[in-house]
């Protein structure tokens, strides 16, 4: 029983430290477009240009090839830069 009382706090401490390093952190903050009137989060960052142009995308499954402005927030307030004159094609 004495060993259990000593080992239990040590095990809790080791578990807490290991769980702190086990969490997956992502640097990808998310990019958003307005698709069919609702916010849609992109799975990757297509805006890789070095130009200071607003980023636009076209979904490959869209028969009308509608261009969508890319934003850095879900409320569509901050447009994403690093776009090009030709919109990026998204396969989602």
PDB file of N, CA and C in Angstrom:
ATOM      1  N   UNK A   1       0.816  -1.191   0.000  1.00  0.00           N
ATOM      2  CA  UNK A   1       0.000   0.000   0.000  1.00  0.00           C
ATOM      3  C   UNK A   1       0.866   1.263   0.000  1.00  0.00           C
ATOM      4  N   UNK A   2       2.017   1.193   0.702  1.00  0.00           N
ATOM      5  CA  UNK A   2       2.909   2.338   0.739  1.00  0.00           C
ATOM      6  C   UNK A   2       3.474   2.647  -0.645  1.00  0.00           C
ATOM      7  N   UNK A   3       3.818   1.582  -1.385  1.00  0.00           N
ATOM      8  CA  UNK A   3       4.358   1.773  -2.726  1.00  0.00           C
ATOM      9  C   UNK A   3       3.305   2.383  -3.647  1.00  0.00           C
ATOM     10  N   UNK A   4       2.058   1.968  -3.474  1.00  0.00           N
ATOM     11  CA  UNK A   4       0.971   2.496  -4.304  1.00  0.00           C
ATOM     12  C   UNK A   4       0.778   3.987  -4.055  1.00  0.00           C
ATOM     13  N   UNK A   5       0.834   4.398  -2.793  1.00  0.00           N
ATOM     14  CA  UNK A   5       0.683   5.808  -2.452  1.00  0.00           C
ATOM     15  C   UNK A   5       1.829   6.649  -3.014  1.00  0.00           C
ATOM     16  N   UNK A   6       2.995   6.056  -3.132  1.00  0.00           N
ATOM     17  CA  UNK A   6       4.128   6.766  -3.683  1.00  0.00           C
ATOM     18  C   UNK A   6       4.080   6.781  -5.216  1.00  0.00           C
ATOM     19  N   UNK A   7       3.692   5.674  -5.813  1.00  0.00           N
ATOM     20  CA  UNK A   7       3.696   5.560  -7.269  1.00  0.00           C
ATOM     21  C   UNK A   7       2.558   6.316  -7.941  1.00  0.00           C
ATOM     22  N   UNK A   8       1.428   6.419  -7.295  1.00  0.00           N
ATOM     23  CA  UNK A   8       0.278   7.074  -7.915  1.00  0.00           C
ATOM     24  C   UNK A   8       0.553   8.533  -8.292  1.00  0.00           C
ATOM     25  N   UNK A   9       1.070   9.377  -7.433  1.00  0.00           N
ATOM     26  CA  UNK A   9       1.365  10.755  -7.849  1.00  0.00           C
ATOM     27  C   UNK A   9       2.435  10.837  -8.946  1.00  0.00           C
ATOM     28  N   UNK A  10       3.401   9.935  -8.893  1.00  0.00           N
ATOM     29  CA  UNK A  10       4.436   9.926  -9.928  1.00  0.00           C
ATOM     30  C   UNK A  10       3.833   9.546 -11.269  1.00  0.00           C
ATOM     31  N   UNK A  11       2.959   8.570 -11.284  1.00  0.00           N
ATOM     32  CA  UNK A  11       2.306   8.144 -12.528  1.00  0.00           C
ATOM     33  C   UNK A  11       1.418   9.259 -13.084  1.00  0.00           C
ATOM     34  N   UNK A  12       0.730   9.969 -12.227  1.00  0.00           N
ATOM     35  CA  UNK A  12      -0.119  11.083 -12.669  1.00  0.00           C
ATOM     36  C   UNK A  12       0.749  12.180 -13.282  1.00  0.00           C
ATOM     37  N   UNK A  13       1.858  12.479 -12.649  1.00  0.00           N
ATOM     38  CA  UNK A  13       2.762  13.502 -13.166  1.00  0.00           C
ATOM     39  C   UNK A  13       3.327  13.096 -14.533  1.00  0.00           C
ATOM     40  N   UNK A  14       3.755  11.851 -14.664  1.00  0.00           N
ATOM     41  CA  UNK A  14       4.303  11.365 -15.937  1.00  0.00           C
ATOM     42  C   UNK A  14       3.230  11.387 -17.019  1.00  0.00           C
ATOM     43  N   UNK A  15       2.023  10.995 -16.702  1.00  0.00           N
ATOM     44  CA  UNK A  15       0.921  11.017 -17.673  1.00  0.00           C
ATOM     45  C   UNK A  15       0.612  12.451 -18.113  1.00  0.00           C
ATOM     46  N   UNK A  16       0.628  13.390 -17.190  1.00  0.00           N
ATOM     47  CA  UNK A  16       0.348  14.790 -17.546  1.00  0.00           C
ATOM     48  C   UNK A  16       1.414  15.336 -18.484  1.00  0.00           C
ATOM     49  N   UNK A  17       2.654  15.038 -18.214  1.00  0.00           N
ATOM     50  CA  UNK A  17       3.741  15.499 -19.086  1.00  0.00           C
ATOM     51  C   UNK A  17       3.636  14.843 -20.456  1.00  0.00           C
ATOM     52  N   UNK A  18       3.364  13.569 -20.511  1.00  0.00           N
ATOM     53  CA  UNK A  18       3.284  12.879 -21.809  1.00  0.00           C
ATOM     54  C   UNK A  18       2.083  13.355 -22.619  1.00  0.00           C
ATOM     55  N   UNK A  19       0.986  13.666 -21.982  1.00  0.00           N
ATOM     56  CA  UNK A  19      -0.187  14.170 -22.699  1.00  0.00           C
ATOM     57  C   UNK A  19       0.062  15.583 -23.236  1.00  0.00           C
ATOM     58  N   UNK A  20       0.883  16.350 -22.571  1.00  0.00           N
ATOM     59  CA  UNK A  20       1.196  17.693 -23.051  1.00  0.00           C
ATOM     60  C   UNK A  20       1.966  17.631 -24.367  1.00  0.00           C
ATOM     61  N   UNK A  21       2.828  16.649 -24.517  1.00  0.00           N
ATOM     62  CA  UNK A  21       3.589  16.514 -25.754  1.00  0.00           C
ATOM     63  C   UNK A  21       2.846  15.712 -26.817  1.00  0.00           C
ATOM     64  N   UNK A  22       1.811  15.014 -26.440  1.00  0.00           N
ATOM     65  CA  UNK A  22       1.080  14.183 -27.391  1.00  0.00           C
ATOM     66  C   UNK A  22       0.037  14.968 -28.175  1.00  0.00           C
ATOM     67  N   UNK A  23      -0.284  16.177 -27.753  1.00  0.00           N
ATOM     68  CA  UNK A  23      -1.300  16.948 -28.466  1.00  0.00           C
ATOM     69  C   UNK A  23      -0.753  17.411 -29.807  1.00  0.00           C
ATOM     70  N   UNK A  24      -1.591  17.340 -30.819  1.00  0.00           N
ATOM     71  CA  UNK A  24      -1.181  17.707 -32.171  1.00  0.00           C
ATOM     72  C   UNK A  24      -1.497  19.184 -32.391  1.00  0.00           C
ATOM     73  N   UNK A  25      -0.484  19.953 -32.647  1.00  0.00           N
ATOM     74  CA  UNK A  25      -0.684  21.373 -32.929  1.00  0.00           C
ATOM     75  C   UNK A  25      -0.506  21.597 -34.415  1.00  0.00           C
ATOM     76  N   UNK A  26      -1.346  22.418 -34.953  1.00  0.00           N
ATOM     77  CA  UNK A  26      -1.298  22.702 -36.377  1.00  0.00           C
ATOM     78  C   UNK A  26      -1.048  24.183 -36.588  1.00  0.00           C
ATOM     79  N   UNK A  27      -0.157  24.499 -37.525  1.00  0.00           N
ATOM     80  CA  UNK A  27       0.086  25.899 -37.841  1.00  0.00           C
ATOM     81  C   UNK A  27      -0.901  26.406 -38.877  1.00  0.00           C
ATOM     82  N   UNK A  28      -1.656  25.504 -39.472  1.00  0.00           N
ATOM     83  CA  UNK A  28      -2.638  25.893 -40.477  1.00  0.00           C
ATOM     84  C   UNK A  28      -3.862  26.466 -39.769  1.00  0.00           C
ATOM     85  N   UNK A  29      -4.154  27.722 -39.984  1.00  0.00           N
ATOM     86  CA  UNK A  29      -5.242  28.386 -39.273  1.00  0.00           C
ATOM     87  C   UNK A  29      -6.573  28.274 -39.995  1.00  0.00           C
ATOM     88  N   UNK A  30      -6.561  27.911 -41.247  1.00  0.00           N
ATOM     89  CA  UNK A  30      -7.808  27.750 -41.985  1.00  0.00           C
ATOM     90  C   UNK A  30      -8.099  28.911 -42.908  1.00  0.00           C
ATOM     91  N   UNK A  31      -8.526  28.588 -44.093  1.00  0.00           N
ATOM     92  CA  UNK A  31      -8.942  29.584 -45.070  1.00  0.00           C
ATOM     93  C   UNK A  31     -10.385  29.301 -45.430  1.00  0.00           C
ATOM     94  N   UNK A  32     -11.128  30.355 -45.730  1.00  0.00           N
ATOM     95  CA  UNK A  32     -12.559  30.230 -45.926  1.00  0.00           C
ATOM     96  C   UNK A  32     -12.988  30.846 -47.256  1.00  0.00           C
ATOM     97  N   UNK A  33     -14.006  30.247 -47.866  1.00  0.00           N
ATOM     98  CA  UNK A  33     -14.673  30.808 -49.036  1.00  0.00           C
ATOM     99  C   UNK A  33     -16.178  30.717 -48.796  1.00  0.00           C
ATOM    100  N   UNK A  34     -16.909  31.560 -49.490  1.00  0.00           N
ATOM    101  CA  UNK A  34     -18.359  31.491 -49.402  1.00  0.00           C
ATOM    102  C   UNK A  34     -18.833  30.635 -50.576  1.00  0.00           C
ATOM    103  N   UNK A  35     -19.364  29.460 -50.254  1.00  0.00           N
ATOM    104  CA  UNK A  35     -19.808  28.520 -51.280  1.00  0.00           C
ATOM    105  C   UNK A  35     -21.288  28.220 -51.063  1.00  0.00           C
ATOM    106  N   UNK A  36     -22.091  28.554 -52.046  1.00  0.00           N
ATOM    107  CA  UNK A  36     -23.548  28.375 -51.972  1.00  0.00           C
ATOM    108  C   UNK A  36     -24.150  29.114 -50.780  1.00  0.00           C
ATOM    109  N   UNK A  37     -23.599  30.265 -50.456  1.00  0.00           N
ATOM    110  CA  UNK A  37     -24.142  31.098 -49.396  1.00  0.00           C
ATOM    111  C   UNK A  37     -23.726  30.723 -47.988  1.00  0.00           C
ATOM    112  N   UNK A  38     -22.886  29.695 -47.830  1.00  0.00           N
ATOM    113  CA  UNK A  38     -22.447  29.277 -46.492  1.00  0.00           C
ATOM    114  C   UNK A  38     -20.920  29.265 -46.446  1.00  0.00           C
ATOM    115  N   UNK A  39     -20.333  29.486 -45.261  1.00  0.00           N
ATOM    116  CA  UNK A  39     -18.874  29.424 -45.135  1.00  0.00           C
ATOM    117  C   UNK A  39     -18.367  28.007 -45.382  1.00  0.00           C
ATOM    118  N   UNK A  40     -17.291  27.886 -46.143  1.00  0.00           N
ATOM    119  CA  UNK A  40     -16.684  26.590 -46.444  1.00  0.00           C
ATOM    120  C   UNK A  40     -15.196  26.710 -46.170  1.00  0.00           C
ATOM    121  N   UNK A  41     -14.674  25.813 -45.324  1.00  0.00           N
ATOM    122  CA  UNK A  41     -13.255  25.863 -44.974  1.00  0.00           C
ATOM    123  C   UNK A  41     -12.457  25.013 -45.959  1.00  0.00           C
ATOM    124  N   UNK A  42     -11.402  25.606 -46.499  1.00  0.00           N
ATOM    125  CA  UNK A  42     -10.523  24.881 -47.409  1.00  0.00           C
ATOM    126  C   UNK A  42      -9.627  23.936 -46.627  1.00  0.00           C
ATOM    127  N   UNK A  43      -9.300  22.803 -47.226  1.00  0.00           N
ATOM    128  CA  UNK A  43      -8.481  21.807 -46.542  1.00  0.00           C
ATOM    129  C   UNK A  43      -6.994  22.103 -46.646  1.00  0.00           C
ATOM    130  N   UNK A  44      -6.604  22.930 -47.583  1.00  0.00           N
ATOM    131  CA  UNK A  44      -5.195  23.285 -47.740  1.00  0.00           C
ATOM    132  C   UNK A  44      -5.097  24.746 -48.182  1.00  0.00           C
ATOM    133  N   UNK A  45      -3.895  25.242 -48.193  1.00  0.00           N
ATOM    134  CA  UNK A  45      -3.660  26.632 -48.590  1.00  0.00           C
ATOM    135  C   UNK A  45      -3.214  26.665 -50.044  1.00  0.00           C
ATOM    136  N   UNK A  46      -4.092  27.037 -50.968  1.00  0.00           N
ATOM    137  CA  UNK A  46      -3.701  27.073 -52.373  1.00  0.00           C
ATOM    138  C   UNK A  46      -2.947  28.344 -52.750  1.00  0.00           C
ATOM    139  N   UNK A  47      -2.977  29.351 -51.903  1.00  0.00           N
ATOM    140  CA  UNK A  47      -2.418  30.668 -52.228  1.00  0.00           C
ATOM    141  C   UNK A  47      -0.922  30.674 -51.944  1.00  0.00           C
ATOM    142  N   UNK A  48      -0.133  30.325 -52.940  1.00  0.00           N
ATOM    143  CA  UNK A  48       1.308  30.181 -52.736  1.00  0.00           C
ATOM    144  C   UNK A  48       2.137  31.166 -53.540  1.00  0.00           C
ATOM    145  N   UNK A  49       1.508  32.101 -54.179  1.00  0.00           N
ATOM    146  CA  UNK A  49       2.233  33.061 -55.009  1.00  0.00           C
ATOM    147  C   UNK A  49       2.935  34.092 -54.137  1.00  0.00           C
ATOM    148  N   UNK A  50       3.874  34.777 -54.725  1.00  0.00           N
ATOM    149  CA  UNK A  50       4.557  35.859 -54.006  1.00  0.00           C
ATOM    150  C   UNK A  50       3.958  37.222 -54.355  1.00  0.00           C
ATOM    151  N   UNK A  51       2.964  37.240 -55.216  1.00  0.00           N
ATOM    152  CA  UNK A  51       2.323  38.499 -55.608  1.00  0.00           C
ATOM    153  C   UNK A  51       1.420  39.007 -54.494  1.00  0.00           C
ATOM    154  N   UNK A  52       1.168  40.294 -54.499  1.00  0.00           N
ATOM    155  CA  UNK A  52       0.308  40.910 -53.495  1.00  0.00           C
ATOM    156  C   UNK A  52      -1.112  41.065 -54.056  1.00  0.00           C
ATOM    157  N   UNK A  53      -1.653  39.971 -54.584  1.00  0.00           N
ATOM    158  CA  UNK A  53      -2.972  39.955 -55.199  1.00  0.00           C
ATOM    159  C   UNK A  53      -3.899  39.107 -54.338  1.00  0.00           C
ATOM    160  N   UNK A  54      -5.180  39.460 -54.304  1.00  0.00           N
ATOM    161  CA  UNK A  54      -6.135  38.676 -53.530  1.00  0.00           C
ATOM    162  C   UNK A  54      -6.274  37.283 -54.138  1.00  0.00           C
ATOM    163  N   UNK A  55      -6.333  36.284 -53.278  1.00  0.00           N
ATOM    164  CA  UNK A  55      -6.388  34.890 -53.711  1.00  0.00           C
ATOM    165  C   UNK A  55      -7.825  34.516 -54.092  1.00  0.00           C
ATOM    166  N   UNK A  56      -7.969  33.843 -55.235  1.00  0.00           N
ATOM    167  CA  UNK A  56      -9.269  33.362 -55.692  1.00  0.00           C
ATOM    168  C   UNK A  56      -9.131  31.896 -56.093  1.00  0.00           C
ATOM    169  N   UNK A  57     -10.189  31.124 -55.868  1.00  0.00           N
ATOM    170  CA  UNK A  57     -10.173  29.707 -56.215  1.00  0.00           C
ATOM    171  C   UNK A  57     -11.414  29.350 -57.021  1.00  0.00           C
ATOM    172  N   UNK A  58     -11.297  28.272 -57.782  1.00  0.00           N
ATOM    173  CA  UNK A  58     -12.413  27.687 -58.523  1.00  0.00           C
ATOM    174  C   UNK A  58     -12.444  26.215 -58.142  1.00  0.00           C
ATOM    175  N   UNK A  59     -13.617  25.710 -57.799  1.00  0.00           N
ATOM    176  CA  UNK A  59     -13.754  24.301 -57.461  1.00  0.00           C
ATOM    177  C   UNK A  59     -13.881  23.480 -58.740  1.00  0.00           C
ATOM    178  N   UNK A  60     -13.157  22.380 -58.805  1.00  0.00           N
ATOM    179  CA  UNK A  60     -13.128  21.554 -60.016  1.00  0.00           C
ATOM    180  C   UNK A  60     -14.483  20.926 -60.311  1.00  0.00           C
ATOM    181  N   UNK A  61     -15.287  20.672 -59.277  1.00  0.00           N
ATOM    182  CA  UNK A  61     -16.591  20.039 -59.494  1.00  0.00           C
ATOM    183  C   UNK A  61     -17.703  21.043 -59.796  1.00  0.00           C
ATOM    184  N   UNK A  62     -17.359  22.323 -59.902  1.00  0.00           N
ATOM    185  CA  UNK A  62     -18.348  23.356 -60.207  1.00  0.00           C
ATOM    186  C   UNK A  62     -18.481  23.497 -61.725  1.00  0.00           C
ATOM    187  N   UNK A  63     -19.649  23.162 -62.299  1.00  0.00           N
ATOM    188  CA  UNK A  63     -19.793  23.242 -63.753  1.00  0.00           C
ATOM    189  C   UNK A  63     -19.779  24.683 -64.278  1.00  0.00           C
ATOM    190  N   UNK A  64     -20.105  25.665 -63.438  1.00  0.00           N
ATOM    191  CA  UNK A  64     -20.113  27.065 -63.860  1.00  0.00           C
ATOM    192  C   UNK A  64     -18.766  27.747 -63.677  1.00  0.00           C
ATOM    193  N   UNK A  65     -17.827  27.090 -63.021  1.00  0.00           N
ATOM    194  CA  UNK A  65     -16.487  27.625 -62.748  1.00  0.00           C
ATOM    195  C   UNK A  65     -16.550  29.000 -62.093  1.00  0.00           C
ATOM    196  N   UNK A  66     -17.322  29.099 -61.022  1.00  0.00           N
ATOM    197  CA  UNK A  66     -17.462  30.355 -60.287  1.00  0.00           C
ATOM    198  C   UNK A  66     -16.197  30.601 -59.465  1.00  0.00           C
ATOM    199  N   UNK A  67     -15.645  31.804 -59.561  1.00  0.00           N
ATOM    200  CA  UNK A  67     -14.482  32.176 -58.771  1.00  0.00           C
ATOM    201  C   UNK A  67     -14.927  32.582 -57.370  1.00  0.00           C
ATOM    202  N   UNK A  68     -14.216  32.084 -56.364  1.00  0.00           N
ATOM    203  CA  UNK A  68     -14.519  32.388 -54.970  1.00  0.00           C
ATOM    204  C   UNK A  68     -13.333  33.111 -54.357  1.00  0.00           C
ATOM    205  N   UNK A  69     -13.600  34.220 -53.688  1.00  0.00           N
ATOM    206  CA  UNK A  69     -12.574  34.957 -52.963  1.00  0.00           C
ATOM    207  C   UNK A  69     -12.223  34.176 -51.700  1.00  0.00           C
ATOM    208  N   UNK A  70     -10.937  34.057 -51.392  1.00  0.00           N
ATOM    209  CA  UNK A  70     -10.474  33.338 -50.203  1.00  0.00           C
ATOM    210  C   UNK A  70     -10.263  34.336 -49.070  1.00  0.00           C
ATOM    211  N   UNK A  71     -10.733  33.973 -47.884  1.00  0.00           N
ATOM    212  CA  UNK A  71     -10.613  34.821 -46.690  1.00  0.00           C
ATOM    213  C   UNK A  71      -9.891  34.058 -45.590  1.00  0.00           C
ATOM    214  N   UNK A  72      -9.296  34.801 -44.665  1.00  0.00           N
ATOM    215  CA  UNK A  72      -8.596  34.181 -43.545  1.00  0.00           C
ATOM    216  C   UNK A  72      -9.483  33.994 -42.324  1.00  0.00           C
ATOM    217  N   UNK A  73     -10.705  34.486 -42.371  1.00  0.00           N
ATOM    218  CA  UNK A  73     -11.622  34.309 -41.252  1.00  0.00           C
ATOM    219  C   UNK A  73     -12.987  33.853 -41.766  1.00  0.00           C
ATOM    220  N   UNK A  74     -13.741  33.256 -40.883  1.00  0.00           N
ATOM    221  CA  UNK A  74     -15.045  32.699 -41.241  1.00  0.00           C
ATOM    222  C   UNK A  74     -16.089  33.772 -41.514  1.00  0.00           C
ATOM    223  N   UNK A  75     -15.858  34.988 -41.061  1.00  0.00           N
ATOM    224  CA  UNK A  75     -16.813  36.080 -41.262  1.00  0.00           C
ATOM    225  C   UNK A  75     -16.581  36.841 -42.567  1.00  0.00           C
ATOM    226  N   UNK A  76     -15.591  36.428 -43.341  1.00  0.00           N
ATOM    227  CA  UNK A  76     -15.262  37.031 -44.637  1.00  0.00           C
ATOM    228  C   UNK A  76     -14.885  38.502 -44.512  1.00  0.00           C
ATOM    229  N   UNK A  77     -14.070  38.839 -43.508  1.00  0.00           N
ATOM    230  CA  UNK A  77     -13.633  40.215 -43.317  1.00  0.00           C
ATOM    231  C   UNK A  77     -12.229  40.476 -43.852  1.00  0.00           C
ATOM    232  N   UNK A  78     -11.350  39.482 -43.767  1.00  0.00           N
ATOM    233  CA  UNK A  78      -9.948  39.676 -44.135  1.00  0.00           C
ATOM    234  C   UNK A  78      -9.624  38.817 -45.353  1.00  0.00           C
ATOM    235  N   UNK A  79      -9.461  39.443 -46.528  1.00  0.00           N
ATOM    236  CA  UNK A  79      -9.128  38.653 -47.718  1.00  0.00           C
ATOM    237  C   UNK A  79      -7.697  38.122 -47.657  1.00  0.00           C
ATOM    238  N   UNK A  80      -7.513  36.930 -48.195  1.00  0.00           N
ATOM    239  CA  UNK A  80      -6.197  36.299 -48.242  1.00  0.00           C
ATOM    240  C   UNK A  80      -5.431  36.805 -49.456  1.00  0.00           C
ATOM    241  N   UNK A  81      -4.182  37.183 -49.235  1.00  0.00           N
ATOM    242  CA  UNK A  81      -3.328  37.641 -50.329  1.00  0.00           C
ATOM    243  C   UNK A  81      -2.489  36.464 -50.837  1.00  0.00           C
ATOM    244  N   UNK A  82      -1.483  36.733 -51.621  1.00  0.00           N
ATOM    245  CA  UNK A  82      -0.597  35.746 -52.240  1.00  0.00           C
ATOM    246  C   UNK A  82      -1.310  34.971 -53.331  1.00  0.00           C
ATOM    247  N   UNK A  83      -2.240  35.608 -54.011  1.00  0.00           N
ATOM    248  CA  UNK A  83      -2.938  34.978 -55.119  1.00  0.00           C
ATOM    249  C   UNK A  83      -2.260  35.285 -56.435  1.00  0.00           C
ATOM    250  N   UNK A  84      -2.887  34.880 -57.506  1.00  0.00           N
ATOM    251  CA  UNK A  84      -2.369  35.181 -58.836  1.00  0.00           C
ATOM    252  C   UNK A  84      -3.527  35.695 -59.691  1.00  0.00           C
ATOM    253  N   UNK A  85      -3.210  36.130 -60.893  1.00  0.00           N
ATOM    254  CA  UNK A  85      -4.267  36.627 -61.779  1.00  0.00           C
ATOM    255  C   UNK A  85      -5.176  35.499 -62.243  1.00  0.00           C
ATOM    256  N   UNK A  86      -4.658  34.290 -62.318  1.00  0.00           N
ATOM    257  CA  UNK A  86      -5.458  33.119 -62.679  1.00  0.00           C
ATOM    258  C   UNK A  86      -5.868  32.423 -61.381  1.00  0.00           C
ATOM    259  N   UNK A  87      -7.161  32.154 -61.178  1.00  0.00           N
ATOM    260  CA  UNK A  87      -7.579  31.509 -59.922  1.00  0.00           C
ATOM    261  C   UNK A  87      -7.057  30.079 -59.812  1.00  0.00           C
ATOM    262  N   UNK A  88      -6.809  29.673 -58.571  1.00  0.00           N
ATOM    263  CA  UNK A  88      -6.344  28.308 -58.304  1.00  0.00           C
ATOM    264  C   UNK A  88      -7.517  27.343 -58.439  1.00  0.00           C
ATOM    265  N   UNK A  89      -7.269  26.158 -58.958  1.00  0.00           N
ATOM    266  CA  UNK A  89      -8.303  25.126 -59.085  1.00  0.00           C
ATOM    267  C   UNK A  89      -8.192  24.205 -57.888  1.00  0.00           C
ATOM    268  N   UNK A  90      -9.313  24.021 -57.198  1.00  0.00           N
ATOM    269  CA  UNK A  90      -9.373  23.207 -55.976  1.00  0.00           C
ATOM    270  C   UNK A  90     -10.078  21.889 -56.293  1.00  0.00           C
ATOM    271  N   UNK A  91      -9.479  20.774 -55.919  1.00  0.00           N
ATOM    272  CA  UNK A  91     -10.063  19.445 -56.103  1.00  0.00           C
ATOM    273  C   UNK A  91     -10.606  18.942 -54.759  1.00  0.00           C
ATOM    274  N   UNK A  92     -11.671  19.525 -54.260  1.00  0.00           N
ATOM    275  CA  UNK A  92     -12.245  19.093 -52.981  1.00  0.00           C
ATOM    276  C   UNK A  92     -13.644  18.592 -53.192  1.00  0.00           C
TER     277      UNK A  92
END
